[in-house]
Amino acid sequence: MSKLVVLKHLTSENAESPEFRYLFSYCVNRARKAFEVETLVWREGSGEPLLPAADYVLVLGKENLFFTAETLIHMTNALNTRVSAVLPNSISKFKVTGESPIYTIRGYELIEKRIFNEFHKPFELNDSHLPISLFSADSFREVLNRTSVEEVLTDKELFKNLRLGNRTTHAGVFHQFIDYYGEIREDILPYIPEGAEEILEIGCGRGLTGEFLQNKLGCRVTGVELNSDIASDARSHISRVICGDIQELDIDEKYDVVLATELFEHLNYPEDFLLKMKSVLRPGGRIVLSVPNVGHYSVVEDLLAGRWDYVPIGLLCYTHFRFFTRRTLEDWVERSGISSYKIIPQKTELPARFRKLSSLFETDMDSLETKGFYVIIKT
């Protein structure tokens, strides 16, 4: 079996993230289905790592990527045509991807299979060796004779500078995850009451949603963030940031709104969280949650195919501790002594094939087309 060295640029914020540590280990495990694999991690400020003997070197930038063993095989086959490096293309650059939204790993694999078997072409080629590329060991050592590992892992223009562009080819696909901590949730704006002055956002990430709310509403946002690197970033965007686990922190101040998007399902004891958040609300305040629906058609279809694959971001996130349908959410909210609440579905388009299920099974079509819920709790 050929030996593959996986050379990864690991940032401190990703090192703190269990979701992205999981993603890296998942992809390495996939690579082991086709190669003998050794991982080599480089972090900013560290010295030049010693490259072990190998047949191939897979270079991964700081971005959080997903790829399969099938893609690595395609890349290896292309590399054996006497080129220096192989660059895969983002799966988002293929027209076929837009025809069927990808929610799960199985869904990704089905699209990837179509791309390979039907010879789909991307509408835009990746022109850099970052965020992912495959070298032969000899070619990579040749590169290192002219530059450093740091430049290989950080300089997207390196191939142009070294004039290696004519010695590359394209093969395979990859998926690059969005910034887990940098999403701006403009969709929750309609659920923030007019006149809210103080908002507590649990799991504030980089503080970009909070910054959006401050600019839009003229309010103050206090964020709570578990990842210390990300919490430091958030301090430049919102009024105040508390670093720690909300399940262990004491919150002394009072707020008009408690906001938690895609957080409820990560908690060991969500009902305790609701009780704690009720206690920090001012009279007339509200809790605004966004919670994924495990009854979405993509999860149901995976289960029918014998699959339940965790991902770093999404319906089956690696750090989800609880899973909810609408009925489960209702039970959990009511068990917490809450009677004034509203659950609003976040809808997606339901593939036509699911319409046939109602003749075979008791089927909740609304649940199948719902990827998540807004939960609005009033005091």
Protein backbone atom coordinates (compact mmCIF):
# COMPACT_ATOMS: atom_id res chain seq x y z
CA MET A 1 0.00 0.00 0.00
CA SER A 2 1.35 3.44 -0.94
CA LYS A 3 2.29 5.80 1.90
CA LEU A 4 0.60 9.20 2.17
CA VAL A 5 1.74 12.05 4.41
CA VAL A 6 -1.08 14.44 5.31
CA LEU A 7 0.43 17.86 6.01
CA LYS A 8 -2.14 20.07 7.76
CA HIS A 9 -2.06 23.75 8.77
CA LEU A 10 -3.80 23.71 12.16
CA THR A 11 -4.92 27.02 13.64
CA SER A 12 -5.33 27.47 17.39
CA GLU A 13 -9.07 28.12 17.04
CA ASN A 14 -9.57 24.84 15.15
CA ALA A 15 -7.42 23.02 17.68
CA GLU A 16 -9.96 24.15 20.31
CA SER A 17 -12.93 23.05 18.20
CA PRO A 18 -14.09 19.44 18.76
CA GLU A 19 -16.15 19.65 15.56
CA PHE A 20 -13.13 20.33 13.37
CA ARG A 21 -10.81 17.97 15.22
CA TYR A 22 -13.44 15.35 14.39
CA LEU A 23 -13.56 16.42 10.73
CA PHE A 24 -9.80 16.10 10.34
CA SER A 25 -9.73 12.66 11.97
CA TYR A 26 -12.69 11.55 9.82
CA CYS A 27 -10.94 12.53 6.58
CA VAL A 28 -7.67 10.92 7.67
CA ASN A 29 -9.57 7.75 8.43
CA ARG A 30 -11.12 7.89 4.95
CA ALA A 31 -7.62 8.24 3.47
CA ARG A 32 -6.55 5.09 5.31
CA LYS A 33 -8.95 3.11 3.15
CA ALA A 34 -6.59 3.70 0.21
CA PHE A 35 -3.19 4.53 1.77
CA GLU A 36 -0.89 3.96 4.68
CA VAL A 37 -1.24 7.38 6.30
CA GLU A 38 0.95 9.52 8.53
CA THR A 39 -0.23 12.96 9.67
CA LEU A 40 2.03 15.97 10.10
CA VAL A 41 0.55 19.09 11.72
CA TRP A 42 2.10 22.54 11.36
CA ARG A 43 1.07 25.49 13.53
CA GLU A 44 2.05 29.11 13.07
CA GLY A 45 5.25 29.91 14.92
CA SER A 46 6.46 26.32 14.93
CA GLY A 47 9.62 25.25 13.15
CA GLU A 48 10.02 23.32 9.93
CA PRO A 49 8.65 19.78 10.40
CA LEU A 50 10.73 16.82 9.28
CA LEU A 51 9.02 15.19 6.31
CA PRO A 52 8.96 11.38 6.69
CA ALA A 53 9.54 8.99 3.80
CA ALA A 54 6.40 8.67 1.68
CA ASP A 55 5.06 8.23 -1.83
CA TYR A 56 2.66 11.18 -1.74
CA VAL A 57 2.09 14.37 0.25
CA LEU A 58 -1.41 15.77 0.73
CA VAL A 59 -1.29 19.47 1.57
CA LEU A 60 -4.22 20.89 3.58
CA GLY A 61 -4.46 24.60 4.36
CA LYS A 62 -6.11 26.08 7.44
CA GLU A 63 -9.59 25.72 5.94
CA ASN A 64 -11.92 23.00 7.19
CA LEU A 65 -12.35 20.51 4.35
CA PHE A 66 -14.14 17.26 3.63
CA PHE A 67 -12.92 14.78 1.01
CA THR A 68 -13.24 11.07 0.35
CA ALA A 69 -10.90 8.18 -0.40
CA GLU A 70 -12.43 8.07 -3.89
CA THR A 71 -11.23 11.61 -4.55
CA LEU A 72 -7.75 10.79 -3.29
CA ILE A 73 -7.61 7.81 -5.68
CA HIS A 74 -8.64 10.04 -8.58
CA MET A 75 -5.97 12.54 -7.59
CA THR A 76 -3.31 9.84 -7.32
CA ASN A 77 -4.17 8.47 -10.74
CA ALA A 78 -3.86 11.96 -12.21
CA LEU A 79 -0.56 12.54 -10.40
CA ASN A 80 0.91 9.44 -11.99
CA THR A 81 0.66 11.16 -15.39
CA ARG A 82 3.97 12.92 -14.60
CA VAL A 83 2.71 16.20 -13.17
CA SER A 84 4.01 17.88 -10.02
CA ALA A 85 0.70 18.37 -8.23
CA VAL A 86 -3.01 17.68 -8.55
CA LEU A 87 -5.64 20.23 -7.54
CA PRO A 88 -9.20 19.08 -6.83
CA ASN A 89 -12.15 21.40 -7.38
CA SER A 90 -14.74 22.52 -4.87
CA ILE A 91 -17.91 20.47 -5.26
CA SER A 92 -19.82 23.77 -5.23
CA LYS A 93 -18.27 24.57 -8.65
CA PHE A 94 -20.27 21.82 -10.38
CA LYS A 95 -23.70 22.58 -11.80
CA VAL A 96 -25.02 19.18 -10.68
CA THR A 97 -24.49 20.19 -7.04
CA GLY A 98 -27.08 22.94 -7.33
CA GLU A 99 -29.68 20.43 -8.47
CA SER A 100 -29.72 18.61 -5.14
CA PRO A 101 -28.84 20.31 -1.83
CA ILE A 102 -26.27 18.43 0.26
CA TYR A 103 -27.24 17.94 3.90
CA THR A 104 -25.39 14.72 4.81
CA ILE A 105 -22.19 12.84 3.95
CA ARG A 106 -24.20 10.27 2.02
CA GLY A 107 -25.75 13.09 -0.01
CA TYR A 108 -22.25 14.40 -0.74
CA GLU A 109 -21.08 10.96 -1.83
CA LEU A 110 -24.01 10.59 -4.25
CA ILE A 111 -23.17 13.92 -5.90
CA GLU A 112 -19.47 13.04 -6.03
CA LYS A 113 -20.30 9.72 -7.68
CA ARG A 114 -22.37 11.49 -10.33
CA ILE A 115 -19.52 13.91 -11.03
CA PHE A 116 -17.06 11.06 -11.53
CA ASN A 117 -19.34 8.65 -13.41
CA GLU A 118 -21.01 11.20 -15.67
CA PHE A 119 -17.84 13.24 -16.29
CA HIS A 120 -19.25 16.56 -15.13
CA LYS A 121 -16.96 19.54 -15.57
CA PRO A 122 -16.64 22.40 -13.06
CA PHE A 123 -17.59 25.87 -14.22
CA GLU A 124 -14.53 27.26 -12.41
CA LEU A 125 -11.15 25.58 -11.80
CA ASN A 126 -9.18 25.90 -8.58
CA ASP A 127 -6.03 27.81 -9.56
CA SER A 128 -4.15 27.42 -6.27
CA HIS A 129 -2.61 24.48 -4.43
CA LEU A 130 -4.58 25.68 -1.39
CA PRO A 131 -6.75 24.72 0.34
CA ILE A 132 -5.91 21.17 -0.84
CA SER A 133 -3.46 19.56 -3.25
CA LEU A 134 -1.59 16.29 -3.75
CA PHE A 135 2.10 16.06 -4.60
CA SER A 136 4.39 13.16 -5.36
CA ALA A 137 7.04 12.97 -2.64
CA ASP A 138 9.79 13.87 -5.14
CA SER A 139 7.88 16.92 -6.40
CA PHE A 140 7.18 18.10 -2.86
CA ARG A 141 10.85 17.84 -1.89
CA GLU A 142 11.69 19.83 -5.02
CA VAL A 143 9.28 22.54 -3.84
CA LEU A 144 10.82 22.55 -0.35
CA ASN A 145 14.26 23.07 -1.91
CA ARG A 146 12.94 26.44 -3.12
CA THR A 147 10.66 27.47 -0.25
CA SER A 148 9.45 26.51 3.25
CA VAL A 149 6.59 24.45 4.69
CA GLU A 150 5.15 27.68 6.12
CA GLU A 151 4.94 29.23 2.65
CA VAL A 152 3.48 26.05 1.18
CA LEU A 153 0.71 26.11 3.81
CA THR A 154 -0.02 29.85 3.76
CA ASP A 155 0.84 31.33 0.34
CA LYS A 156 -1.97 30.78 -2.14
CA GLU A 157 0.12 32.39 -4.90
CA LEU A 158 3.06 30.04 -4.37
CA PHE A 159 2.62 28.14 -7.63
CA LYS A 160 2.64 31.37 -9.61
CA ASN A 161 5.74 32.54 -7.78
CA LEU A 162 7.54 29.23 -8.38
CA ARG A 163 6.17 28.97 -11.94
CA LEU A 164 4.67 25.54 -11.32
CA GLY A 165 1.25 26.28 -12.84
CA ASN A 166 2.02 24.38 -16.06
CA ARG A 167 2.99 21.30 -14.07
CA THR A 168 -0.37 20.79 -12.40
CA THR A 169 -3.63 19.13 -13.32
CA HIS A 170 -7.12 18.86 -11.84
CA ALA A 171 -8.90 15.81 -10.44
CA GLY A 172 -11.25 15.04 -7.56
CA VAL A 173 -13.58 17.20 -5.50
CA PHE A 174 -13.73 18.59 -1.98
CA HIS A 175 -16.12 20.52 0.23
CA GLN A 176 -15.04 23.56 2.23
CA PHE A 177 -17.19 24.26 5.28
CA ILE A 178 -18.32 27.78 6.04
CA ASP A 179 -16.80 29.62 8.97
CA TYR A 180 -18.51 27.79 11.84
CA TYR A 181 -18.11 30.79 14.11
CA GLY A 182 -18.64 33.57 11.58
CA GLU A 183 -22.20 33.17 10.32
CA ILE A 184 -24.51 36.20 10.45
CA ARG A 185 -28.01 35.02 11.36
CA GLU A 186 -30.08 37.80 9.84
CA ASP A 187 -33.03 35.40 9.74
CA ILE A 188 -33.64 35.78 13.49
CA LEU A 189 -34.24 39.54 13.26
CA PRO A 190 -38.07 39.23 12.96
CA TYR A 191 -38.15 37.39 16.31
CA ILE A 192 -36.28 40.04 18.30
CA PRO A 193 -38.92 42.28 19.95
CA GLU A 194 -38.97 45.97 19.15
CA GLY A 195 -37.32 48.04 21.86
CA ALA A 196 -34.98 45.27 23.10
CA GLU A 197 -32.00 47.03 24.70
CA GLU A 198 -29.97 44.22 26.24
CA ILE A 199 -29.49 40.89 24.41
CA LEU A 200 -27.60 37.86 25.72
CA GLU A 201 -26.37 35.65 22.86
CA ILE A 202 -25.28 32.16 23.90
CA GLY A 203 -22.71 30.69 21.53
CA CYS A 204 -21.95 34.05 19.96
CA GLY A 205 -19.05 32.84 17.82
CA ARG A 206 -17.09 35.76 16.37
CA GLY A 207 -19.89 38.12 17.38
CA LEU A 208 -21.01 38.90 13.84
CA THR A 209 -24.70 38.18 14.48
CA GLY A 210 -24.50 40.29 17.62
CA GLU A 211 -22.79 43.08 15.71
CA PHE A 212 -25.54 42.93 13.09
CA LEU A 213 -28.21 43.25 15.81
CA GLN A 214 -26.39 46.12 17.51
CA ASN A 215 -26.14 48.04 14.23
CA LYS A 216 -29.72 47.28 13.24
CA LEU A 217 -31.48 47.76 16.57
CA GLY A 218 -29.17 50.04 18.55
CA CYS A 219 -29.03 47.46 21.36
CA ARG A 220 -26.18 46.07 23.44
CA VAL A 221 -25.21 42.43 22.94
CA THR A 222 -23.40 40.35 25.54
CA GLY A 223 -22.02 37.13 24.11
CA VAL A 224 -21.10 33.82 25.72
CA GLU A 225 -18.54 31.74 23.82
CA LEU A 226 -16.81 28.49 24.80
CA ASN A 227 -13.84 28.69 22.39
CA SER A 228 -11.34 31.16 23.91
CA ASP A 229 -9.72 32.10 20.58
CA ILE A 230 -13.11 32.88 19.07
CA ALA A 231 -14.22 34.76 22.20
CA SER A 232 -11.20 37.06 21.81
CA ASP A 233 -12.24 37.76 18.22
CA ALA A 234 -15.84 38.48 19.29
CA ARG A 235 -14.73 41.21 21.71
CA SER A 236 -13.97 43.47 18.75
CA HIS A 237 -17.54 43.14 17.46
CA ILE A 238 -19.97 43.25 20.39
CA SER A 239 -20.32 45.07 23.69
CA ARG A 240 -19.16 42.33 26.01
CA VAL A 241 -18.03 38.69 25.81
CA ILE A 242 -17.98 36.06 28.55
CA CYS A 243 -15.77 33.04 27.80
CA GLY A 244 -17.02 29.78 29.28
CA ASP A 245 -19.64 27.05 29.29
CA ILE A 246 -23.13 28.45 29.80
CA GLN A 247 -24.06 25.31 31.72
CA GLU A 248 -21.48 26.23 34.37
CA LEU A 249 -21.49 30.05 34.30
CA ASP A 250 -23.44 32.26 36.66
CA ILE A 251 -25.20 35.10 34.84
CA ASP A 252 -26.04 37.96 37.21
CA GLU A 253 -27.35 40.60 34.80
CA LYS A 254 -30.87 40.81 33.35
CA TYR A 255 -31.70 40.86 29.64
CA ASP A 256 -34.61 41.59 27.33
CA VAL A 257 -33.73 38.69 25.01
CA VAL A 258 -31.73 35.49 25.27
CA LEU A 259 -30.67 34.31 21.82
CA ALA A 260 -29.26 30.86 21.09
CA THR A 261 -29.03 29.66 17.48
CA GLU A 262 -28.06 26.01 16.96
CA LEU A 263 -27.03 25.64 20.61
CA PHE A 264 -29.92 23.94 22.43
CA GLU A 265 -29.09 20.55 20.90
CA HIS A 266 -25.45 20.75 22.11
CA LEU A 267 -26.43 20.85 25.79
CA ASN A 268 -26.43 17.90 28.16
CA TYR A 269 -29.50 19.19 29.99
CA PRO A 270 -31.44 21.62 27.78
CA GLU A 271 -34.28 21.91 30.30
CA ASP A 272 -31.85 23.27 32.92
CA PHE A 273 -30.65 25.79 30.34
CA LEU A 274 -34.23 27.00 29.77
CA LEU A 275 -34.80 27.46 33.49
CA LYS A 276 -31.53 29.36 33.87
CA MET A 277 -32.31 31.60 30.91
CA LYS A 278 -35.81 32.33 32.23
CA SER A 279 -34.18 33.58 35.42
CA VAL A 280 -32.05 36.17 33.61
CA LEU A 281 -34.92 37.67 31.60
CA ARG A 282 -36.45 41.01 32.43
CA PRO A 283 -40.26 41.11 32.76
CA GLY A 284 -41.78 40.63 29.32
CA GLY A 285 -38.52 39.25 27.93
CA ARG A 286 -38.19 36.30 25.58
CA ILE A 287 -35.91 33.41 24.62
CA VAL A 288 -35.25 32.92 20.91
CA LEU A 289 -33.87 29.53 19.80
CA SER A 290 -33.07 27.95 16.45
CA VAL A 291 -33.03 24.14 16.69
CA PRO A 292 -32.41 21.56 13.92
CA ASN A 293 -35.05 18.92 13.08
CA VAL A 294 -33.83 15.32 13.09
CA GLY A 295 -36.98 14.39 11.14
CA HIS A 296 -35.77 16.20 8.01
CA TYR A 297 -35.98 14.07 4.88
CA SER A 298 -32.19 13.93 4.43
CA VAL A 299 -31.74 12.24 7.82
CA VAL A 300 -34.72 9.91 7.27
CA GLU A 301 -33.42 8.85 3.87
CA ASP A 302 -29.94 8.19 5.29
CA LEU A 303 -31.45 5.98 8.00
CA LEU A 304 -33.35 3.99 5.38
CA ALA A 305 -29.97 3.42 3.70
CA GLY A 306 -28.38 2.36 7.01
CA ARG A 307 -26.44 5.59 7.49
CA TRP A 308 -26.07 8.10 10.34
CA ASP A 309 -22.88 10.08 9.72
CA TYR A 310 -21.81 12.93 11.95
CA VAL A 311 -20.57 16.16 10.38
CA PRO A 312 -18.83 19.23 11.85
CA ILE A 313 -21.70 21.55 10.89
CA GLY A 314 -25.28 20.61 10.12
CA LEU A 315 -28.24 18.47 11.09
CA LEU A 316 -26.01 15.71 12.46
CA CYS A 317 -23.27 17.85 13.99
CA TYR A 318 -20.62 15.85 15.88
CA THR A 319 -21.28 17.73 19.13
CA HIS A 320 -25.07 17.43 19.10
CA PHE A 321 -25.99 15.82 22.39
CA ARG A 322 -29.78 15.83 21.87
CA PHE A 323 -31.95 15.44 18.77
CA PHE A 324 -35.38 16.99 18.31
CA THR A 325 -38.53 16.86 16.27
CA ARG A 326 -41.36 19.36 16.75
CA ARG A 327 -43.11 17.08 19.23
CA THR A 328 -39.90 16.51 21.20
CA LEU A 329 -39.33 20.25 21.41
CA GLU A 330 -42.86 20.80 22.65
CA ASP A 331 -42.39 18.17 25.36
CA TRP A 332 -39.07 19.61 26.52
CA VAL A 333 -40.32 23.20 26.63
CA GLU A 334 -43.49 22.25 28.52
CA ARG A 335 -41.58 20.06 30.99
CA SER A 336 -39.62 23.19 31.85
CA GLY A 337 -42.85 24.82 33.04
CA ILE A 338 -43.23 27.03 29.96
CA SER A 339 -46.68 27.47 28.49
CA SER A 340 -46.29 30.60 26.36
CA TYR A 341 -44.23 29.67 23.32
CA LYS A 342 -44.37 29.38 19.56
CA ILE A 343 -42.58 26.93 17.25
CA ILE A 344 -42.03 28.10 13.67
CA PRO A 345 -40.68 25.64 11.03
CA GLN A 346 -37.73 26.43 8.76
CA LYS A 347 -38.80 24.83 5.48
CA THR A 348 -36.85 23.29 2.60
CA GLU A 349 -38.11 21.88 -0.68
CA LEU A 350 -39.21 18.24 -0.35
CA PRO A 351 -38.14 15.95 -3.23
CA ALA A 352 -41.13 14.52 -5.10
CA ARG A 353 -40.15 10.91 -4.34
CA PHE A 354 -41.15 11.40 -0.68
CA ARG A 355 -44.76 11.98 -1.64
CA LYS A 356 -45.08 8.24 -2.22
CA LEU A 357 -44.33 7.44 1.41
CA SER A 358 -47.77 8.40 2.66
CA SER A 359 -49.28 5.39 0.89
CA LEU A 360 -46.89 3.06 2.73
CA PHE A 361 -46.30 4.61 6.16
CA GLU A 362 -47.77 7.10 8.58
CA THR A 363 -45.92 10.15 7.27
CA ASP A 364 -45.51 13.70 8.56
CA MET A 365 -44.77 15.63 5.37
CA ASP A 366 -44.33 18.88 7.29
CA SER A 367 -41.57 17.31 9.36
CA LEU A 368 -39.82 15.85 6.31
CA GLU A 369 -39.53 19.27 4.66
CA THR A 370 -38.48 21.09 7.85
CA LYS A 371 -34.74 21.38 8.55
CA GLY A 372 -35.16 23.28 11.80
CA PHE A 373 -37.39 25.33 14.08
CA TYR A 374 -37.45 28.78 15.58
CA VAL A 375 -38.64 28.48 19.16
CA ILE A 376 -39.96 31.72 20.64
CA ILE A 377 -40.50 31.58 24.42
CA LYS A 378 -42.22 34.47 26.18
CA THR A 379 -42.26 35.13 29.89
